[in-house]
C-alpha atoms as a PDB file:
ATOM      1  CA  MET A   1      95.637  98.143  89.551  1.00  0.00           C
ATOM      2  CA  THR A   2      95.303  99.844  86.144  1.00  0.00           C
ATOM      3  CA  THR A   3      96.964  98.288  83.242  1.00  0.00           C
ATOM      4  CA  THR A   4      96.328  99.796  80.246  1.00  0.00           C
ATOM      5  CA  ILE A   5      97.944 103.194  79.164  1.00  0.00           C
ATOM      6  CA  PHE A   6      95.637 104.645  76.324  1.00  0.00           C
ATOM      7  CA  THR A   7      98.150 106.662  74.002  1.00  0.00           C
ATOM      8  CA  SER A   8      95.713 109.529  72.079  1.00  0.00           C
ATOM      9  CA  LEU A   9      96.495 110.792  69.286  1.00  0.00           C
ATOM     10  CA  ALA A  10      94.610 114.025  69.357  1.00  0.00           C
ATOM     11  CA  LEU A  11      97.644 116.583  69.996  1.00  0.00           C
ATOM     12  CA  ALA A  12     100.157 114.889  67.516  1.00  0.00           C
ATOM     13  CA  ALA A  13      97.732 114.409  64.633  1.00  0.00           C
ATOM     14  CA  ALA A  14      96.900 118.065  65.272  1.00  0.00           C
ATOM     15  CA  THR A  15     100.379 119.493  65.876  1.00  0.00           C
ATOM     16  CA  VAL A  16     101.108 117.456  62.602  1.00  0.00           C
ATOM     17  CA  THR A  17      97.839 118.252  60.013  1.00  0.00           C
ATOM     18  CA  GLY A  18      97.424 121.734  61.818  1.00  0.00           C
ATOM     19  CA  PHE A  19      93.569 121.167  62.274  1.00  0.00           C
ATOM     20  CA  ALA A  20      92.984 121.817  66.033  1.00  0.00           C
ATOM     21  CA  SER A  21      88.742 121.361  66.270  1.00  0.00           C
ATOM     22  CA  PRO A  22      87.173 119.521  68.660  1.00  0.00           C
ATOM     23  CA  ALA A  23      85.076 117.446  66.230  1.00  0.00           C
ATOM     24  CA  PHE A  24      88.125 116.679  64.401  1.00  0.00           C
ATOM     25  CA  ALA A  25      89.765 115.356  67.745  1.00  0.00           C
ATOM     26  CA  ALA A  26      87.218 113.467  68.988  1.00  0.00           C
ATOM     27  CA  ASP A  27      87.979 111.443  65.567  1.00  0.00           C
ATOM     28  CA  LEU A  28      91.195 110.947  66.514  1.00  0.00           C
ATOM     29  CA  PRO A  29      92.349 107.217  66.747  1.00  0.00           C
ATOM     30  CA  THR A  30      93.583 105.917  70.008  1.00  0.00           C
ATOM     31  CA  ALA A  31      95.978 102.771  71.303  1.00  0.00           C
ATOM     32  CA  VAL A  32      95.592 100.999  74.141  1.00  0.00           C
ATOM     33  CA  VAL A  33      98.414  99.564  75.583  1.00  0.00           C
ATOM     34  CA  ARG A  34      98.230  96.445  77.880  1.00  0.00           C
ATOM     35  CA  TYR A  35     101.385  95.556  80.188  1.00  0.00           C
ATOM     36  CA  GLY A  36      99.349  93.461  83.041  1.00  0.00           C
ATOM     37  CA  ASP A  37     101.646  90.639  81.805  1.00  0.00           C
ATOM     38  CA  ILE A  38     104.625  92.611  82.198  1.00  0.00           C
ATOM     39  CA  ASN A  39     107.040  92.635  85.308  1.00  0.00           C
ATOM     40  CA  LEU A  40     107.760  96.487  85.364  1.00  0.00           C
ATOM     41  CA  ALA A  41     110.154  96.341  88.567  1.00  0.00           C
ATOM     42  CA  ASN A  42     112.857  95.675  86.120  1.00  0.00           C
ATOM     43  CA  ALA A  43     114.405  97.195  83.372  1.00  0.00           C
ATOM     44  CA  ALA A  44     113.969  94.183  80.908  1.00  0.00           C
ATOM     45  CA  GLY A  45     110.011  94.803  81.884  1.00  0.00           C
ATOM     46  CA  ALA A  46     110.053  98.289  81.534  1.00  0.00           C
ATOM     47  CA  GLN A  47     111.504  98.371  78.327  1.00  0.00           C
ATOM     48  CA  THR A  48     109.040  95.882  76.730  1.00  0.00           C
ATOM     49  CA  LEU A  49     106.326  98.344  77.671  1.00  0.00           C
ATOM     50  CA  GLN A  50     108.516 101.041  76.140  1.00  0.00           C
ATOM     51  CA  MET A  51     108.323  99.006  72.841  1.00  0.00           C
ATOM     52  CA  ARG A  52     104.765  98.286  72.981  1.00  0.00           C
ATOM     53  CA  VAL A  53     103.624 102.209  73.733  1.00  0.00           C
ATOM     54  CA  LYS A  54     106.337 103.036  70.658  1.00  0.00           C
ATOM     55  CA  ARG A  55     104.559 100.127  68.199  1.00  0.00           C
ATOM     56  CA  ALA A  56     101.299 101.151  69.045  1.00  0.00           C
ATOM     57  CA  ALA A  57     101.880 104.545  68.007  1.00  0.00           C
ATOM     58  CA  ALA A  58     103.286 103.440  64.338  1.00  0.00           C
ATOM     59  CA  ARG A  59     100.347 101.675  64.221  1.00  0.00           C
ATOM     60  CA  VAL A  60      98.060 104.207  64.438  1.00  0.00           C
ATOM     61  CA  CYS A  61     100.293 107.144  62.831  1.00  0.00           C
ATOM     62  CA  GLN A  62     101.418 104.970  60.047  1.00  0.00           C
ATOM     63  CA  THR A  63     100.421 106.437  56.852  1.00  0.00           C
ATOM     64  CA  SER A  64      99.864 104.319  53.218  1.00  0.00           C
ATOM     65  CA  ASP A  65     101.067 107.113  51.506  1.00  0.00           C
ATOM     66  CA  ARG A  66     104.847 107.289  50.170  1.00  0.00           C
ATOM     67  CA  ASP A  67     105.060 110.964  49.350  1.00  0.00           C
ATOM     68  CA  LEU A  68     107.441 112.116  51.847  1.00  0.00           C
ATOM     69  CA  SER A  69     106.027 115.155  53.765  1.00  0.00           C
ATOM     70  CA  ALA A  70     103.251 112.541  54.704  1.00  0.00           C
ATOM     71  CA  VAL A  71     106.092 110.057  55.676  1.00  0.00           C
ATOM     72  CA  MET A  72     107.302 112.857  58.072  1.00  0.00           C
ATOM     73  CA  ALA A  73     104.082 114.048  59.394  1.00  0.00           C
ATOM     74  CA  ALA A  74     103.711 110.045  60.233  1.00  0.00           C
ATOM     75  CA  LYS A  75     107.022 110.027  62.174  1.00  0.00           C
ATOM     76  CA  GLN A  76     106.149 113.191  63.769  1.00  0.00           C
ATOM     77  CA  CYS A  77     103.132 112.150  64.963  1.00  0.00           C
ATOM     78  CA  GLN A  78     104.650 109.329  66.328  1.00  0.00           C
ATOM     79  CA  ARG A  79     107.266 110.977  68.157  1.00  0.00           C
ATOM     80  CA  LEU A  80     104.274 112.929  69.947  1.00  0.00           C
ATOM     81  CA  ALA A  81     102.585 110.293  70.920  1.00  0.00           C
ATOM     82  CA  VAL A  82     105.143 108.451  72.577  1.00  0.00           C
ATOM     83  CA  ALA A  83     106.237 111.576  74.371  1.00  0.00           C
ATOM     84  CA  ARG A  84     102.448 112.111  75.667  1.00  0.00           C
ATOM     85  CA  ALA A  85     101.944 108.357  76.396  1.00  0.00           C
ATOM     86  CA  MET A  86     105.140 108.657  78.410  1.00  0.00           C
ATOM     87  CA  PRO A  87     103.972 110.023  81.926  1.00  0.00           C
ATOM     88  CA  GLN A  88     101.542 107.157  82.285  1.00  0.00           C
ATOM     89  CA  VAL A  89     104.798 104.778  81.600  1.00  0.00           C
ATOM     90  CA  GLU A  90     106.486 106.949  84.256  1.00  0.00           C
ATOM     91  CA  LEU A  91     103.454 106.514  86.658  1.00  0.00           C
ATOM     92  CA  ALA A  92     102.862 102.804  85.624  1.00  0.00           C
ATOM     93  CA  LEU A  93     107.048 102.269  86.632  1.00  0.00           C
ATOM     94  CA  ALA A  94     106.693 104.193  89.617  1.00  0.00           C
ATOM     95  CA  GLN A  95     103.676 102.797  91.136  1.00  0.00           C
ATOM     96  CA  ALA A  96     105.717  98.986  90.687  1.00  0.00           C
ATOM     97  CA  GLY A  97     108.247 100.401  92.575  1.00  0.00           C
ATOM     98  CA  THR A  98     111.277 100.656  89.756  1.00  0.00           C
ATOM     99  CA  GLN A  99     113.548 102.951  89.796  1.00  0.00           C
ATOM    100  CA  VAL A 100     113.893 102.837  85.894  1.00  0.00           C
ATOM    101  CA  ALA A 101     111.126 105.269  85.313  1.00  0.00           C
ATOM    102  CA  GLN A 102     113.503 108.081  85.138  1.00  0.00           C
ATOM    103  CA  ASN A 103     115.385 106.622  82.685  1.00  0.00           C
ATOM    104  CA  SER A 104     112.426 105.558  80.459  1.00  0.00           C
ATOM    105  CA  ALA A 105     111.806 109.327  79.876  1.00  0.00           C
ATOM    106  CA  SER A 106     114.903 109.536  78.033  1.00  0.00           C
ATOM    107  CA  LEU A 107     114.640 106.275  76.164  1.00  0.00           C
ATOM    108  CA  ALA A 108     111.702 107.265  74.379  1.00  0.00           C
ATOM    109  CA  SER A 109     112.443 110.497  73.725  1.00  0.00           C
ATOM    110  CA  ALA A 110     115.571 109.707  72.128  1.00  0.00           C
ATOM    111  CA  HIS A 111     114.233 107.920  68.847  1.00  0.00           C
END
């Protein structure tokens, strides 16, 4: 069983910055979220995985710029990165045999 989720931020960053060139996409950061230590067969495990994905997105999309537009772009990057990771999260939850996979998408997209 795969115990990592790769959160590629290429689409998120391209959307936020307006860049879409392949060379730019290749240079974008990717976060690896490990979940082999989590019991995904219960709601607490599902929430833990979702929090790890959100933290990874926040870490990769962070900005040191205090300009409002940069902060807003970073927040948008985080939202898009989490949304891109949710299909992988849902698959991991489904493979674990949990019924919370359907709820995880709405929890993640609500923020």
